[in-house]
Amino acid sequence: MGDRPVLLLVAEPVDKAGGILTLTRLMAEQLRRYRPVRVISRSGGVNWSTACSASKGSTPRFIAQTLEHAARTRGADVVATHLNLAPLAVVGARVARGRFVLVLHGQELRVARTRTRCWSARHANLAVAVSQATAREGREKLRLPAGCIHVVIPGVDLHAGDARRAPSSPVRLVTVTRLVEAYKNVDSVIGALREPPLSSAHLTVVGDGPCRPALENLASRLGVADRVWFAGTVDHSTLQTIYRDGDLFVLPSTGEGFGLVYAEAMAHGLPCVGARGCGSEDAIVDGSTGRFVDEARPETVARAAAWLLDPRRYASISAQAVDRVRGELHADAFGRRLLAVFDGVE
């Protein structure tokens, strides 16, 4: 059981930005430490060792490669890294006479789900959910049996830096997210810059998407455009610099499946503002590594930020954030949790 091979099915280019694909890469890297792993991508872009990919957009080739490798890899765990891949993973697992493993991220459970995908999901031998909130959604929306779902909290492969002693003056806020979904509540972060606790703070927004023009217009209407920098999509090195230059990470998203960006920010000693009631509750420890808001309004975001920036507690919270990434939220700890679930389920 410990050396059972893994076929990891990926729908999009693995070098594309995004939390789901970042987690997929981490999963492959960690599993490869313990098991033989083959990554099969439909859209190309695979640059990992022991990986293959079909031509971009070549669904028939992707299906053929999956079934070909399944037939040659008896007893494999066939992993659907997205709900969209569940139908193919079901068939692949049967061809391999192995197990069908489904990864649940959360976001995909809130969009239209076809009957075929839902039916396929219910045939999973094992479902890995990235948070307690995502596990609940999987049970409710896919009708997965409770015993099938196992929560495996992700981690990040970043070296945890030093804790911060005090925030800068003026305070520098950081938000990292796709500017696509309204539930990210970036508008409330921009609005918080008008509140007295943050009236001189600066905000860097990393990420891009169709919501960006509206958010830029909002910053102008509120008179804070000179304190908001829309950095767009940046490379890894630039992102790490932005984290290092920041004082506080603010993303009161109400729909996170987990939120790897919170862990990335904590690795740099940034306390985090998040929203209660979603997967971020497994990333942030309220009052210890960050602060939750019950409703993502500008005034509540500003109050949470002010609480974390208080000089009497800022250094302690920053230190606890770094310690959390060095321990529970490190990629190596994620790998051990993942292996324990894979090996513990027949």
Foldseek 3Di string as FASTA:
>chain_A
DQAAEEEEEAEEALVDDDDLSQQSVLQQVLVVVGYHYEYEYAADNDDDPNYDYDHGPPPVVSLVVLQVVLLVRAAHEYEHSALVCLLSQLVSCVNNVHFYEYEFFQPNLPDDDDPSSLVSVQRGLAYEAQFPQRLVSCCVRSVHDNVRYDYQHAAEADQQDAADQAADVVAEEEEEDALADCLQLVLLVLLLCVPVLNVPYAYEYEHYDPNVVVSCVSNVVSVNNVRYHDPHHDDPVVVLVSLLNHAAYEGQGQRGSACNVLLVSLSNLHQYEYAPDHNVCVVHPDPQQAHYDPDSHSVSSSVRVSVCNPSVCVRRNSRSSNVCNVPCRDSNNSSVSVSCSVVVGD
